[in-house]
């Protein structure tokens, strides 16, 4: 533990890796006219974020062997469900960025509804899995896991917020 500096309870080396992946993801600007190469790069970055996310959870949750045996298969199912939702949200963002300067009222409302539906589904999945995680981990570790998830989501959302343009009046 001495060899790894910690900030806010998260291992700094993994936090930096995740942050770099997020910066690279955001740096793409979620391509306006995504060609095959742009889509491939986007998919590689999404996969990198997802892999680093798991590594960050592993480094900061400190599971026993028994806990790990129950947690990781459940975590993979949980992330599998969230990944589909996050992919939907990413498509909403891509669509918005592609036409934000000329977006009409009807399209803007459709995108807002699609975004909120994805957010609602994300919250539903997190709520559904809470009791399942509590069956394989003590309550404090479940809460720590959700805190780690929230911190990673906050970093990603902050970076995305800085890059997504606001609808012009």
Protein backbone atom coordinates (compact mmCIF):
# COMPACT_ATOMS: atom_id res chain seq x y z
CA UNK A 1 0.00 0.00 0.00
CA UNK A 2 2.94 2.33 0.65
CA UNK A 3 4.03 2.20 -2.97
CA UNK A 4 0.72 3.61 -4.22
CA UNK A 5 -0.40 7.15 -3.41
CA UNK A 6 -4.09 7.58 -2.79
CA UNK A 7 -6.33 10.56 -3.26
CA UNK A 8 -9.93 10.45 -2.09
CA UNK A 9 -9.57 6.70 -1.55
CA UNK A 10 -8.88 5.93 -5.22
CA UNK A 11 -5.55 4.56 -6.39
CA UNK A 12 -3.85 7.42 -8.24
CA UNK A 13 -2.22 5.33 -10.99
CA UNK A 14 -5.57 3.87 -11.99
CA UNK A 15 -7.30 7.23 -11.60
CA UNK A 16 -4.75 8.76 -13.98
CA UNK A 17 -5.24 5.93 -16.48
CA UNK A 18 -9.00 6.38 -16.40
CA UNK A 19 -8.64 10.15 -16.68
CA UNK A 20 -6.35 9.80 -19.68
CA UNK A 21 -8.84 7.48 -21.33
CA UNK A 22 -11.61 9.98 -20.65
CA UNK A 23 -9.54 12.87 -22.00
CA UNK A 24 -8.78 10.85 -25.13
CA UNK A 25 -12.48 9.98 -25.45
CA UNK A 26 -13.55 13.58 -25.04
CA UNK A 27 -10.66 14.76 -27.21
CA UNK A 28 -12.24 12.97 -30.12
CA UNK A 29 -15.06 15.45 -29.77
CA UNK A 30 -17.45 12.57 -30.45
CA UNK A 31 -17.01 12.88 -34.22
CA UNK A 32 -19.58 14.93 -36.06
CA UNK A 33 -19.25 12.88 -39.23
CA UNK A 34 -18.10 9.59 -37.83
CA UNK A 35 -16.54 7.41 -40.46
CA UNK A 36 -15.49 3.80 -39.97
CA UNK A 37 -12.09 4.79 -38.57
CA UNK A 38 -13.66 7.26 -36.13
CA UNK A 39 -16.17 4.64 -34.98
CA UNK A 40 -13.38 2.09 -34.51
CA UNK A 41 -11.35 4.61 -32.47
CA UNK A 42 -14.40 5.47 -30.41
CA UNK A 43 -15.03 1.79 -29.72
CA UNK A 44 -11.39 1.25 -28.70
CA UNK A 45 -11.61 4.19 -26.29
CA UNK A 46 -14.90 2.95 -24.83
CA UNK A 47 -13.34 -0.47 -24.31
CA UNK A 48 -10.29 1.14 -22.66
CA UNK A 49 -12.47 3.15 -20.28
CA UNK A 50 -14.46 0.02 -19.42
CA UNK A 51 -11.34 -2.07 -18.80
CA UNK A 52 -9.73 0.62 -16.67
CA UNK A 53 -12.96 1.04 -14.78
CA UNK A 54 -12.81 -2.60 -13.72
CA UNK A 55 -9.15 -2.26 -12.74
CA UNK A 56 -9.93 0.83 -10.67
CA UNK A 57 -12.75 -1.00 -8.87
CA UNK A 58 -10.45 -3.98 -8.24
CA UNK A 59 -7.66 -1.81 -6.86
CA UNK A 60 -9.96 0.08 -4.51
CA UNK A 61 -12.46 -2.50 -3.32
CA UNK A 62 -9.89 -4.91 -1.82
CA UNK A 63 -12.03 -8.04 -1.97
CA UNK A 64 -11.29 -11.29 -0.20
CA UNK A 65 -11.11 -14.39 -2.41
CA UNK A 66 -14.61 -15.42 -1.33
CA UNK A 67 -16.02 -11.94 -2.00
CA UNK A 68 -14.27 -11.76 -5.37
CA UNK A 69 -15.73 -15.11 -6.43
CA UNK A 70 -19.25 -13.76 -5.92
CA UNK A 71 -18.64 -10.16 -6.94
CA UNK A 72 -16.86 -10.30 -10.31
CA UNK A 73 -19.39 -12.40 -12.24
CA UNK A 74 -22.15 -10.14 -10.89
CA UNK A 75 -20.10 -7.04 -11.73
CA UNK A 76 -19.62 -8.25 -15.31
CA UNK A 77 -23.39 -8.70 -15.74
CA UNK A 78 -24.00 -5.30 -14.15
CA UNK A 79 -21.51 -3.58 -16.44
CA UNK A 80 -22.92 -5.46 -19.44
CA UNK A 81 -26.33 -3.95 -18.77
CA UNK A 82 -24.87 -0.50 -18.12
CA UNK A 83 -22.70 -0.64 -21.26
CA UNK A 84 -25.76 -0.96 -23.49
CA UNK A 85 -27.35 2.03 -21.76
CA UNK A 86 -24.12 4.05 -21.96
CA UNK A 87 -23.88 3.24 -25.67
CA UNK A 88 -27.41 4.65 -26.12
CA UNK A 89 -26.43 7.80 -24.24
CA UNK A 90 -23.27 8.16 -26.36
CA UNK A 91 -25.40 7.96 -29.53
CA UNK A 92 -27.65 10.73 -28.19
CA UNK A 93 -24.59 12.88 -27.55
CA UNK A 94 -23.16 12.14 -31.00
CA UNK A 95 -26.48 13.01 -32.65
CA UNK A 96 -26.78 16.21 -30.64
CA UNK A 97 -23.24 17.34 -31.44
CA UNK A 98 -23.74 16.58 -35.12
CA UNK A 99 -26.55 19.10 -35.37
CA UNK A 100 -26.56 21.27 -32.25
CA UNK A 101 -26.18 24.55 -34.15
CA UNK A 102 -29.24 23.92 -36.33
CA UNK A 103 -31.27 21.61 -34.13
CA UNK A 104 -35.03 22.16 -34.23
CA UNK A 105 -37.36 22.18 -31.26
CA UNK A 106 -38.85 18.75 -31.99
CA UNK A 107 -35.45 17.09 -32.44
CA UNK A 108 -34.09 18.78 -29.30
CA UNK A 109 -37.00 17.43 -27.26
CA UNK A 110 -36.59 13.96 -28.74
CA UNK A 111 -32.91 13.91 -27.80
CA UNK A 112 -33.70 15.18 -24.29
CA UNK A 113 -36.29 12.41 -23.86
CA UNK A 114 -33.83 9.80 -25.16
CA UNK A 115 -31.14 11.07 -22.77
CA UNK A 116 -33.50 11.02 -19.79
CA UNK A 117 -34.70 7.53 -20.71
CA UNK A 118 -31.09 6.32 -20.71
CA UNK A 119 -30.48 8.03 -17.36
CA UNK A 120 -33.62 6.43 -15.93
CA UNK A 121 -32.55 3.00 -17.19
CA UNK A 122 -29.09 3.51 -15.70
CA UNK A 123 -30.59 4.33 -12.29
CA UNK A 124 -32.90 1.31 -12.55
CA UNK A 125 -29.99 -1.05 -13.24
CA UNK A 126 -27.98 0.38 -10.35
CA UNK A 127 -30.98 0.01 -8.03
CA UNK A 128 -31.68 -3.54 -9.22
CA UNK A 129 -28.11 -4.67 -8.58
CA UNK A 130 -27.83 -3.08 -5.13
CA UNK A 131 -29.53 -6.02 -3.39
CA UNK A 132 -27.59 -8.51 -5.49
CA UNK A 133 -24.25 -6.93 -4.55
CA UNK A 134 -25.39 -6.94 -0.91
CA UNK A 135 -25.75 -10.73 -1.11
CA UNK A 136 -22.06 -11.18 -1.97
CA UNK A 137 -20.43 -8.23 -0.16
CA UNK A 138 -20.80 -6.62 3.27
CA UNK A 139 -22.83 -3.40 3.24
CA UNK A 140 -19.82 -1.11 3.65
CA UNK A 141 -18.12 -2.62 0.61
CA UNK A 142 -21.31 -2.29 -1.43
CA UNK A 143 -21.47 1.39 -0.52
CA UNK A 144 -17.75 1.80 -1.30
CA UNK A 145 -18.31 0.16 -4.70
CA UNK A 146 -21.14 2.58 -5.52
CA UNK A 147 -19.02 5.50 -4.32
CA UNK A 148 -16.17 4.42 -6.62
CA UNK A 149 -18.65 4.12 -9.50
CA UNK A 150 -20.05 7.59 -8.73
CA UNK A 151 -16.59 9.16 -8.63
CA UNK A 152 -15.67 7.68 -12.01
CA UNK A 153 -18.99 8.79 -13.50
CA UNK A 154 -18.45 12.31 -12.11
CA UNK A 155 -15.04 12.57 -13.83
CA UNK A 156 -16.50 11.42 -17.14
CA UNK A 157 -19.53 13.71 -16.87
CA UNK A 158 -17.37 16.70 -15.94
CA UNK A 159 -15.12 16.19 -18.95
CA UNK A 160 -18.09 15.64 -21.26
CA UNK A 161 -19.84 18.75 -19.94
CA UNK A 162 -16.81 20.83 -20.84
CA UNK A 163 -16.87 19.52 -24.42
CA UNK A 164 -20.58 19.39 -25.26
CA UNK A 165 -21.81 22.71 -26.65
CA UNK A 166 -24.93 24.33 -25.21
CA UNK A 167 -27.91 24.80 -27.53
CA UNK A 168 -27.95 28.31 -28.88
CA UNK A 169 -31.06 30.41 -28.33
